[in-house]
């Protein structure tokens, strides 16, 4: 058998050489190759098949156009009125003509298209490439969202006695600051003494302790466009006493904290219901986790469940609570002051079982920050398992606590290198995506050009000033990242 197979291969090779010398056509060579293969297959007891098309071979172009639309940012989403850079990716550098169309209308003939849309929605982008021999078209879909959907809000109280009412500044993901965005979108002012902000179901809620103007005590706007949907003045003002904080479970399940305690408000029925057991709730931010509202009440955490008129549970802790914030895994972080022999603590609370993990804060200065004070924002802020604390005037220290490692370390002094510093107004806030820390540092309790929104990062684990936005704050009530409400 071995000699037979060797003879067949030798004969085939010899004939190919002869055919080549005789200039036999490739197609005839292919037929002969098939014949020899079939002969060999028959002798060896197997079937060999070939599929060939002379027409397909004639049409094949190794330089045929292969086209793709790519985004410079890597995403096919963009904010309204912002620019998305799209370009053509080709498989070869040959000369090609392009034609871009958006929803059927031609918009460009370049290899790069700067996409800008004035309205939200989905847009179909096509690009056709022609090289004189053939043309190829590919498509992409671009989503345009409201320009306030992603970014950072800075809420200002203003000063009612000077007829300076609440304002809202916005910092885009690119670091561009826009002042008074609510006024610019609606032509009216927020209520006086704006204190807190919440985002839920694509609605933005702002609470004001003095009410009045276009915003009233409660303003509800579209979270992407900031266009006002409704506001409430008399419905709340006749009952509430200096409302300060807000949390939202659903469109008709809104919780407002005031000097008396916590109320549930239903905007559809305009019914305001006091939550029994919530009296003297702390003037600080409430948190939402596991479909429930968590609020501080001195040295207790109270739990409020949806559509109930009384608290569902009291959870005592060793010290007074100086901060309640949601964790990224759907639970709750608590900051507690020192009490007697018990040190200051950071606590991780399971939002379902209410079990707790406690870390003592041994560093004296960090513990002092957790003891709290007059600020109406939490004395802790978190990105994942890492929490930050900051406070003071000069110096203005920042501490980082990694909960899983039970490790607290000094990161730096925010006031170092800054001029015209009086104090940190309310507490610091850490960006949940970038890990940068934001601080509203003021030089005066007024609308002062030296008031600053400072952004710090931690290159080489050392506090460093990354951005310094001046002149946008007047008694800043807090820093609010849209990503924390997703």
Protein backbone atom coordinates (compact mmCIF):
# COMPACT_ATOMS: atom_id res chain seq x y z
CA UNK A 1 0.00 0.00 0.00
CA UNK A 2 2.82 2.40 0.93
CA UNK A 3 4.54 1.91 -2.46
CA UNK A 4 1.23 2.49 -4.27
CA UNK A 5 0.53 5.79 -2.51
CA UNK A 6 4.11 6.97 -3.05
CA UNK A 7 3.84 6.18 -6.78
CA UNK A 8 0.60 8.18 -7.10
CA UNK A 9 2.12 11.26 -5.43
CA UNK A 10 5.28 11.00 -7.53
CA UNK A 11 3.27 10.71 -10.75
CA UNK A 12 1.07 13.69 -9.78
CA UNK A 13 4.10 15.88 -9.04
CA UNK A 14 5.80 14.96 -12.31
CA UNK A 15 2.72 15.69 -14.42
CA UNK A 16 2.27 19.10 -12.68
CA UNK A 17 5.80 20.05 -13.68
CA UNK A 18 5.12 19.03 -17.29
CA UNK A 19 1.82 20.94 -17.34
CA UNK A 20 3.51 24.00 -15.95
CA UNK A 21 6.17 23.95 -18.65
CA UNK A 22 3.48 23.47 -21.27
CA UNK A 23 1.57 26.54 -19.94
CA UNK A 24 -1.53 24.54 -19.08
CA UNK A 25 -4.29 26.85 -17.74
CA UNK A 26 -4.94 26.94 -13.98
CA UNK A 27 -8.51 25.71 -14.46
CA UNK A 28 -7.32 22.65 -16.37
CA UNK A 29 -4.73 22.03 -13.68
CA UNK A 30 -7.54 22.15 -11.09
CA UNK A 31 -9.55 19.54 -13.03
CA UNK A 32 -6.54 17.26 -13.22
CA UNK A 33 -5.87 17.79 -9.52
CA UNK A 34 -9.45 16.76 -8.73
CA UNK A 35 -9.01 13.68 -10.93
CA UNK A 36 -5.83 12.62 -9.15
CA UNK A 37 -7.43 13.26 -5.78
CA UNK A 38 -10.46 11.18 -6.68
CA UNK A 39 -8.21 8.40 -7.92
CA UNK A 40 -6.26 8.46 -4.70
CA UNK A 41 -9.43 8.57 -2.62
CA UNK A 42 -10.92 5.62 -4.46
CA UNK A 43 -7.79 3.48 -4.01
CA UNK A 44 -7.57 4.41 -0.31
CA UNK A 45 -11.29 3.86 0.36
CA UNK A 46 -12.27 7.53 1.06
CA UNK A 47 -14.29 10.39 -0.56
CA UNK A 48 -12.67 13.73 -1.33
CA UNK A 49 -14.89 16.66 -2.41
CA UNK A 50 -14.03 20.10 -3.82
CA UNK A 51 -16.22 23.13 -4.45
CA UNK A 52 -14.90 25.73 -6.86
CA UNK A 53 -16.41 28.55 -8.85
CA UNK A 54 -14.48 30.22 -11.60
CA UNK A 55 -16.91 33.19 -11.45
CA UNK A 56 -16.33 33.70 -7.68
CA UNK A 57 -12.57 33.61 -8.19
CA UNK A 58 -12.82 36.21 -10.91
CA UNK A 59 -14.85 38.55 -8.60
CA UNK A 60 -12.62 38.20 -5.55
CA UNK A 61 -10.73 41.39 -4.59
CA UNK A 62 -8.11 41.19 -1.86
CA UNK A 63 -8.44 44.99 -1.49
CA UNK A 64 -12.27 45.01 -1.16
CA UNK A 65 -13.63 47.74 1.11
CA UNK A 66 -14.15 46.79 4.74
CA UNK A 67 -15.79 49.63 6.63
CA UNK A 68 -16.52 50.42 10.28
CA UNK A 69 -17.77 53.45 12.25
CA UNK A 70 -15.79 54.05 15.43
CA UNK A 71 -16.30 56.58 18.22
CA UNK A 72 -13.36 58.54 19.59
CA UNK A 73 -14.80 58.26 23.12
CA UNK A 74 -15.51 54.55 22.73
CA UNK A 75 -19.24 55.10 23.31
CA UNK A 76 -22.18 55.81 21.02
CA UNK A 77 -24.00 57.96 23.58
CA UNK A 78 -23.65 61.70 24.04
CA UNK A 79 -25.28 64.57 25.92
CA UNK A 80 -27.64 66.90 24.12
CA UNK A 81 -25.73 69.76 22.42
CA UNK A 82 -22.40 68.04 23.11
CA UNK A 83 -20.08 66.69 20.40
CA UNK A 84 -19.44 63.03 19.56
CA UNK A 85 -16.53 62.43 17.19
CA UNK A 86 -17.19 59.58 14.77
CA UNK A 87 -14.72 58.40 12.16
CA UNK A 88 -14.39 55.80 9.43
CA UNK A 89 -12.10 52.82 9.96
CA UNK A 90 -10.94 51.24 6.67
CA UNK A 91 -9.03 48.05 5.96
CA UNK A 92 -6.70 49.78 3.45
CA UNK A 93 -5.44 53.30 2.71
CA UNK A 94 -6.71 53.54 -0.87
CA UNK A 95 -8.46 56.71 -2.06
CA UNK A 96 -12.11 56.61 -1.02
CA UNK A 97 -15.00 59.06 -1.07
CA UNK A 98 -17.37 59.21 1.92
CA UNK A 99 -20.96 60.26 2.43
CA UNK A 100 -22.45 60.51 5.95
CA UNK A 101 -26.19 60.65 6.51
CA UNK A 102 -28.17 61.15 9.71
CA UNK A 103 -31.74 59.87 9.71
CA UNK A 104 -31.57 59.91 5.90
CA UNK A 105 -30.15 63.44 5.48
CA UNK A 106 -26.58 63.95 4.21
CA UNK A 107 -24.45 65.70 6.84
CA UNK A 108 -20.78 65.25 5.86
CA UNK A 109 -18.36 64.01 3.19
CA UNK A 110 -15.25 63.82 5.40
CA UNK A 111 -13.74 60.74 7.02
CA UNK A 112 -14.56 62.26 10.44
CA UNK A 113 -18.04 63.40 11.45
CA UNK A 114 -18.68 65.68 14.43
CA UNK A 115 -22.11 64.61 15.60
CA UNK A 116 -24.17 67.20 17.54
CA UNK A 117 -27.88 66.93 18.32
CA UNK A 118 -30.19 69.59 19.74
CA UNK A 119 -32.82 67.05 20.85
CA UNK A 120 -32.76 63.86 22.88
CA UNK A 121 -33.49 60.51 21.26
CA UNK A 122 -31.93 57.81 19.05
CA UNK A 123 -30.28 58.73 15.77
CA UNK A 124 -29.35 56.43 12.86
CA UNK A 125 -25.96 57.29 11.36
CA UNK A 126 -24.90 55.83 7.97
CA UNK A 127 -21.65 56.24 6.09
CA UNK A 128 -21.13 55.18 2.48
CA UNK A 129 -17.63 54.61 1.11
CA UNK A 130 -16.88 54.54 -2.64
CA UNK A 131 -13.51 53.75 -4.24
CA UNK A 132 -14.59 53.89 -7.91
CA UNK A 133 -15.03 50.11 -8.16
CA UNK A 134 -17.57 49.45 -5.47
CA UNK A 135 -19.43 51.11 -2.61
CA UNK A 136 -20.07 49.90 0.94
CA UNK A 137 -22.42 51.30 3.60
CA UNK A 138 -22.39 50.71 7.34
CA UNK A 139 -24.66 52.06 10.09
CA UNK A 140 -24.50 52.97 13.77
CA UNK A 141 -27.06 54.11 16.33
CA UNK A 142 -26.36 57.07 18.64
CA UNK A 143 -28.31 57.78 21.82
CA UNK A 144 -28.62 61.44 22.83
CA UNK A 145 -29.51 62.06 26.48
CA UNK A 146 -30.22 65.21 28.48
CA UNK A 147 -27.16 67.29 29.32
CA UNK A 148 -27.79 67.01 33.08
CA UNK A 149 -28.16 63.23 33.18
CA UNK A 150 -24.52 62.64 34.15
CA UNK A 151 -22.40 64.98 36.22
CA UNK A 152 -22.21 66.82 39.53
CA UNK A 153 -24.68 69.26 41.08
CA UNK A 154 -23.71 71.91 43.63
CA UNK A 155 -26.76 73.19 45.53
CA UNK A 156 -26.58 76.66 47.06
CA UNK A 157 -28.78 77.91 49.89
CA UNK A 158 -28.35 81.57 49.01
CA UNK A 159 -29.33 84.17 51.61
CA UNK A 160 -33.02 84.88 51.95
CA UNK A 161 -32.49 88.10 53.93
CA UNK A 162 -30.59 89.48 50.95
CA UNK A 163 -33.19 88.09 48.53
CA UNK A 164 -30.59 85.66 47.22
CA UNK A 165 -32.56 82.48 46.62
CA UNK A 166 -31.41 78.93 46.05
CA UNK A 167 -29.36 78.16 42.96
CA UNK A 168 -28.05 75.03 41.30
CA UNK A 169 -24.66 74.77 39.57
CA UNK A 170 -23.68 71.86 37.33
CA UNK A 171 -20.25 70.40 36.54
CA UNK A 172 -20.21 68.22 33.42
CA UNK A 173 -18.07 65.06 33.18
CA UNK A 174 -15.64 67.17 31.11
CA UNK A 175 -15.26 69.63 33.98
CA UNK A 176 -17.31 72.47 32.49
CA UNK A 177 -19.24 74.46 35.11
CA UNK A 178 -22.62 76.05 34.40
CA UNK A 179 -24.10 78.35 37.00
CA UNK A 180 -27.80 78.71 37.90
CA UNK A 181 -28.90 75.88 35.63
CA UNK A 182 -32.43 75.66 37.05
CA UNK A 183 -33.03 79.35 36.38
CA UNK A 184 -31.56 79.07 32.88
CA UNK A 185 -33.84 76.16 31.99
CA UNK A 186 -37.02 77.53 33.58
CA UNK A 187 -36.70 81.30 33.91
CA UNK A 188 -37.69 81.18 37.58
CA UNK A 189 -35.88 80.85 40.92
CA UNK A 190 -35.83 77.98 43.37
CA UNK A 191 -37.20 78.50 46.87
CA UNK A 192 -35.19 80.20 49.58
CA UNK A 193 -32.67 78.22 51.57
CA UNK A 194 -32.48 75.14 49.33
CA UNK A 195 -31.10 72.30 51.44
CA UNK A 196 -31.15 68.90 49.77
CA UNK A 197 -31.52 67.11 46.45
CA UNK A 198 -32.61 63.64 45.36
CA UNK A 199 -32.95 61.87 41.98
CA UNK A 200 -35.37 59.00 41.34
CA UNK A 201 -37.16 57.65 38.23
CA UNK A 202 -35.61 60.39 36.06
CA UNK A 203 -37.03 63.10 38.33
CA UNK A 204 -34.97 65.55 40.33
CA UNK A 205 -36.33 66.72 43.71
CA UNK A 206 -35.12 69.84 45.54
CA UNK A 207 -36.27 70.76 49.05
CA UNK A 208 -36.23 74.35 50.32
CA UNK A 209 -36.63 75.37 53.96
CA UNK A 210 -38.15 78.78 53.20
CA UNK A 211 -40.13 78.16 50.02
CA UNK A 212 -41.33 80.91 47.72
CA UNK A 213 -40.58 81.84 44.11
CA UNK A 214 -41.01 79.40 41.23
CA UNK A 215 -39.68 76.44 43.21
CA UNK A 216 -41.73 76.55 46.41
CA UNK A 217 -40.84 74.21 49.27
CA UNK A 218 -40.52 71.26 46.91
CA UNK A 219 -39.49 71.42 43.27
CA UNK A 220 -39.77 68.43 40.93
CA UNK A 221 -37.99 68.65 37.57
CA UNK A 222 -36.92 66.33 34.78
CA UNK A 223 -33.52 64.96 35.81
CA UNK A 224 -32.08 65.17 32.28
CA UNK A 225 -33.38 68.56 31.16
CA UNK A 226 -34.18 70.28 34.52
CA UNK A 227 -37.49 71.45 33.07
CA UNK A 228 -39.88 71.92 35.97
CA UNK A 229 -42.68 69.38 36.23
CA UNK A 230 -44.31 70.66 39.43
CA UNK A 231 -43.71 72.62 42.62
CA UNK A 232 -45.46 72.72 45.99
CA UNK A 233 -45.84 75.74 48.24
CA UNK A 234 -49.12 75.92 50.20
CA UNK A 235 -49.53 72.13 50.28
CA UNK A 236 -46.37 71.89 52.41
CA UNK A 237 -45.79 75.33 53.90
CA UNK A 238 -48.88 75.26 56.12
CA UNK A 239 -47.58 72.14 57.94
CA UNK A 240 -43.82 71.81 57.58
CA UNK A 241 -41.36 73.74 59.75
CA UNK A 242 -38.08 74.47 57.96
CA UNK A 243 -37.92 71.29 55.83
CA UNK A 244 -34.32 70.28 55.28
CA UNK A 245 -33.90 66.83 53.67
CA UNK A 246 -35.63 64.57 51.20
CA UNK A 247 -35.62 60.90 50.17
CA UNK A 248 -37.79 59.27 47.51
CA UNK A 249 -39.03 55.70 47.15
CA UNK A 250 -41.47 56.32 44.28
CA UNK A 251 -43.27 59.11 42.46
CA UNK A 252 -46.00 59.25 45.13
CA UNK A 253 -43.87 58.09 48.06
CA UNK A 254 -41.70 61.04 49.09
CA UNK A 255 -40.16 61.55 52.54
CA UNK A 256 -39.35 65.00 53.91
CA UNK A 257 -37.54 65.74 57.18
CA UNK A 258 -38.30 69.00 59.06
CA UNK A 259 -37.99 70.34 62.61
CA UNK A 260 -40.76 68.00 63.78
CA UNK A 261 -39.60 64.74 62.23
CA UNK A 262 -40.24 62.92 58.95
CA UNK A 263 -43.35 63.21 56.75
CA UNK A 264 -44.54 61.20 53.79
CA UNK A 265 -45.88 63.27 50.89
CA UNK A 266 -48.06 62.05 48.01
CA UNK A 267 -47.91 64.64 45.17
CA UNK A 268 -50.96 63.18 43.38
CA UNK A 269 -53.29 63.45 46.36
CA UNK A 270 -51.28 66.28 47.99
CA UNK A 271 -51.60 64.43 51.31
CA UNK A 272 -48.87 64.96 53.89
CA UNK A 273 -48.61 62.30 56.63
CA UNK A 274 -46.40 62.46 59.72
CA UNK A 275 -44.40 59.27 60.37
CA UNK A 276 -45.03 58.25 63.96
CA UNK A 277 -41.84 57.58 65.89
CA UNK A 278 -39.73 59.94 63.72
CA UNK A 279 -39.84 62.99 66.05
CA UNK A 280 -36.57 64.91 66.34
CA UNK A 281 -34.92 63.14 63.43
CA UNK A 282 -31.44 64.56 62.94
CA UNK A 283 -30.92 67.42 60.50
CA UNK A 284 -28.86 65.34 58.11
CA UNK A 285 -29.24 63.37 54.91
CA UNK A 286 -31.54 60.35 54.84
CA UNK A 287 -30.52 57.26 52.85
CA UNK A 288 -32.47 54.76 50.75
CA UNK A 289 -31.58 51.05 50.58
CA UNK A 290 -33.57 47.84 50.05
CA UNK A 291 -36.71 49.89 49.29
CA UNK A 292 -36.63 51.62 52.70
CA UNK A 293 -35.68 55.00 54.13
CA UNK A 294 -33.03 55.17 56.87
CA UNK A 295 -32.82 58.30 59.03
CA UNK A 296 -30.74 59.27 62.06
CA UNK A 297 -32.40 60.03 65.38
CA UNK A 298 -29.69 60.90 67.90
CA UNK A 299 -28.09 57.52 68.78
CA UNK A 300 -30.68 55.47 66.87
CA UNK A 301 -31.23 54.66 63.23
CA UNK A 302 -34.92 54.58 62.32
CA UNK A 303 -36.29 52.58 59.40
CA UNK A 304 -39.30 53.74 57.38
CA UNK A 305 -41.01 51.39 54.94
CA UNK A 306 -43.01 52.35 51.89
CA UNK A 307 -46.50 53.79 52.45
CA UNK A 308 -46.45 53.23 56.20
CA UNK A 309 -47.40 55.95 58.69
CA UNK A 310 -45.04 54.84 61.47
CA UNK A 311 -41.45 53.72 61.68
CA UNK A 312 -40.79 50.01 61.21
CA UNK A 313 -37.70 49.63 63.37
CA UNK A 314 -35.28 51.40 65.72
CA UNK A 315 -31.62 50.37 65.61
CA UNK A 316 -29.56 51.71 68.55
CA UNK A 317 -25.84 52.44 68.24
CA UNK A 318 -23.24 53.47 70.83
CA UNK A 319 -22.82 57.15 69.84
CA UNK A 320 -24.73 59.91 68.10
CA UNK A 321 -25.07 59.34 64.37
CA UNK A 322 -23.23 61.94 62.30
CA UNK A 323 -23.82 60.43 58.88
CA UNK A 324 -26.12 57.99 57.07
CA UNK A 325 -25.29 57.12 53.45
CA UNK A 326 -26.04 54.23 51.10
CA UNK A 327 -23.25 51.82 50.22
CA UNK A 328 -22.49 50.73 46.67
CA UNK A 329 -23.64 47.16 47.46
CA UNK A 330 -27.14 48.21 48.54
CA UNK A 331 -26.57 48.53 52.29
CA UNK A 332 -25.93 51.43 54.70
CA UNK A 333 -22.87 53.18 56.10
CA UNK A 334 -23.12 54.94 59.47
CA UNK A 335 -20.75 57.39 61.15
CA UNK A 336 -21.02 57.48 64.95
CA UNK A 337 -19.44 59.79 67.50
CA UNK A 338 -17.50 58.61 70.53
CA UNK A 339 -19.63 57.94 73.61
CA UNK A 340 -18.15 57.30 77.07
CA UNK A 341 -15.61 54.51 76.73
CA UNK A 342 -16.84 53.69 73.23
CA UNK A 343 -14.68 55.23 70.43
CA UNK A 344 -15.99 56.88 67.27
CA UNK A 345 -17.00 54.28 64.71
CA UNK A 346 -17.87 53.58 61.13
CA UNK A 347 -20.57 50.91 60.83
CA UNK A 348 -21.70 48.80 57.89
CA UNK A 349 -25.38 47.91 58.32
CA UNK A 350 -27.08 45.15 56.36
CA UNK A 351 -30.21 46.82 54.95
CA UNK A 352 -32.22 43.60 55.15
CA UNK A 353 -31.13 41.78 58.32
CA UNK A 354 -29.92 44.92 60.20
CA UNK A 355 -26.77 43.09 61.30
CA UNK A 356 -23.76 45.38 61.80
CA UNK A 357 -20.00 45.35 61.31
CA UNK A 358 -18.17 47.99 63.34
CA UNK A 359 -14.76 49.60 62.85
CA UNK A 360 -13.39 51.80 65.62
CA UNK A 361 -11.61 54.97 64.50
CA UNK A 362 -8.58 55.31 66.72
CA UNK A 363 -7.01 58.34 65.06
CA UNK A 364 -7.83 61.29 67.32
CA UNK A 365 -8.39 63.89 64.58
CA UNK A 366 -10.42 61.57 62.35
CA UNK A 367 -12.53 60.58 65.36
CA UNK A 368 -13.12 64.24 66.13
CA UNK A 369 -14.50 64.77 62.62
CA UNK A 370 -16.92 61.87 63.14
CA UNK A 371 -18.21 63.52 66.32
CA UNK A 372 -20.15 65.80 64.00
CA UNK A 373 -21.21 69.42 64.32
CA UNK A 374 -23.49 71.91 62.61
CA UNK A 375 -23.16 70.52 59.07
CA UNK A 376 -26.34 69.23 57.44
CA UNK A 377 -24.48 66.74 55.24
CA UNK A 378 -22.98 63.39 56.34
CA UNK A 379 -19.56 63.38 57.98
CA UNK A 380 -18.56 60.37 55.88
CA UNK A 381 -18.53 59.78 52.14
CA UNK A 382 -17.79 56.50 50.36
CA UNK A 383 -16.54 54.98 47.16
CA UNK A 384 -16.95 51.24 47.45
CA UNK A 385 -15.15 50.00 50.56
CA UNK A 386 -13.20 53.23 51.01
CA UNK A 387 -14.55 56.09 53.12
CA UNK A 388 -13.34 59.66 53.55
CA UNK A 389 -13.69 62.23 56.34
CA UNK A 390 -12.72 65.89 56.18
CA UNK A 391 -13.31 69.11 58.06
CA UNK A 392 -12.00 72.22 59.77
CA UNK A 393 -10.72 75.53 58.50
CA UNK A 394 -6.92 75.81 58.76
CA UNK A 395 -5.71 73.11 58.77
CA UNK A 396 -8.41 71.24 56.82
CA UNK A 397 -7.41 67.55 57.05
CA UNK A 398 -8.73 64.65 54.98
CA UNK A 399 -8.60 61.07 56.26
CA UNK A 400 -9.22 57.85 54.38
CA UNK A 401 -10.54 54.67 55.98
CA UNK A 402 -10.44 51.34 54.13
CA UNK A 403 -13.15 49.38 55.91
CA UNK A 404 -12.06 45.86 54.94
CA UNK A 405 -8.54 46.57 56.22
CA UNK A 406 -9.64 48.57 59.30
CA UNK A 407 -7.05 51.10 58.23
CA UNK A 408 -7.25 54.89 58.70
CA UNK A 409 -4.65 57.22 57.19
CA UNK A 410 -4.07 60.94 56.81
CA UNK A 411 -4.21 62.04 53.16
CA UNK A 412 -3.38 65.73 53.32
CA UNK A 413 -4.52 69.27 54.15
CA UNK A 414 -7.08 70.72 51.72
CA UNK A 415 -6.28 74.30 52.77
CA UNK A 416 -2.59 73.97 51.97
CA UNK A 417 -1.65 76.22 49.07
CA UNK A 418 -5.07 77.91 48.89
CA UNK A 419 -5.66 81.62 49.48
CA UNK A 420 -8.72 83.28 51.01
CA UNK A 421 -9.81 80.27 53.05
CA UNK A 422 -12.27 80.64 55.92
CA UNK A 423 -13.80 77.17 56.33
CA UNK A 424 -15.18 74.04 54.71
CA UNK A 425 -18.92 74.61 54.24
CA UNK A 426 -20.75 71.34 54.93
CA UNK A 427 -18.78 68.13 54.35
CA UNK A 428 -16.64 66.63 51.61
CA UNK A 429 -18.01 64.20 49.00
CA UNK A 430 -16.18 61.53 47.01
CA UNK A 431 -17.02 60.91 43.36
CA UNK A 432 -18.29 57.30 43.10
CA UNK A 433 -16.63 56.75 39.71
CA UNK A 434 -13.38 58.72 39.72
CA UNK A 435 -12.62 58.62 43.46
CA UNK A 436 -11.93 62.37 43.46
CA UNK A 437 -12.94 64.32 46.57
CA UNK A 438 -15.02 67.51 46.21
CA UNK A 439 -14.99 70.24 48.85
CA UNK A 440 -16.87 73.54 49.04
CA UNK A 441 -14.31 75.84 50.63
CA UNK A 442 -15.50 79.39 51.29
CA UNK A 443 -13.81 82.68 52.03
CA UNK A 444 -17.07 84.38 53.03
CA UNK A 445 -20.65 83.48 53.97
CA UNK A 446 -21.90 85.27 50.86
CA UNK A 447 -21.65 85.14 47.10
CA UNK A 448 -17.91 85.74 47.02
CA UNK A 449 -15.63 85.37 43.96
CA UNK A 450 -13.11 83.59 46.18
CA UNK A 451 -15.55 80.88 47.27
CA UNK A 452 -14.26 77.65 45.75
CA UNK A 453 -15.40 74.24 44.58
CA UNK A 454 -12.18 72.28 44.96
CA UNK A 455 -11.55 68.86 43.44
CA UNK A 456 -8.76 66.72 44.86
CA UNK A 457 -7.28 63.46 43.65
CA UNK A 458 -4.81 61.09 45.30
CA UNK A 459 -1.86 60.52 43.00
CA UNK A 460 0.69 58.37 44.83
CA UNK A 461 -1.70 58.30 47.79
CA UNK A 462 -1.19 62.01 48.41
CA UNK A 463 -3.86 64.71 48.32
CA UNK A 464 -3.45 66.94 45.25
CA UNK A 465 -5.60 69.80 43.95
CA UNK A 466 -6.92 68.90 40.50
CA UNK A 467 -9.48 71.66 39.87
CA UNK A 468 -10.50 74.92 41.55
CA UNK A 469 -13.79 76.45 40.40
CA UNK A 470 -14.22 79.93 41.85
CA UNK A 471 -17.26 82.14 42.32
CA UNK A 472 -20.10 79.62 41.96
CA UNK A 473 -21.16 79.10 45.58
CA UNK A 474 -23.16 80.95 48.21
CA UNK A 475 -23.66 78.93 51.38
CA UNK A 476 -23.31 75.63 49.46
CA UNK A 477 -25.71 73.02 50.82
CA UNK A 478 -23.96 70.02 49.30
CA UNK A 479 -22.33 68.14 46.43
CA UNK A 480 -24.53 65.63 44.57
CA UNK A 481 -23.24 63.13 42.02
CA UNK A 482 -25.87 61.83 39.61
CA UNK A 483 -24.13 58.43 39.61
CA UNK A 484 -25.08 57.91 43.28
CA UNK A 485 -28.75 57.81 42.29
CA UNK A 486 -28.54 55.18 39.55
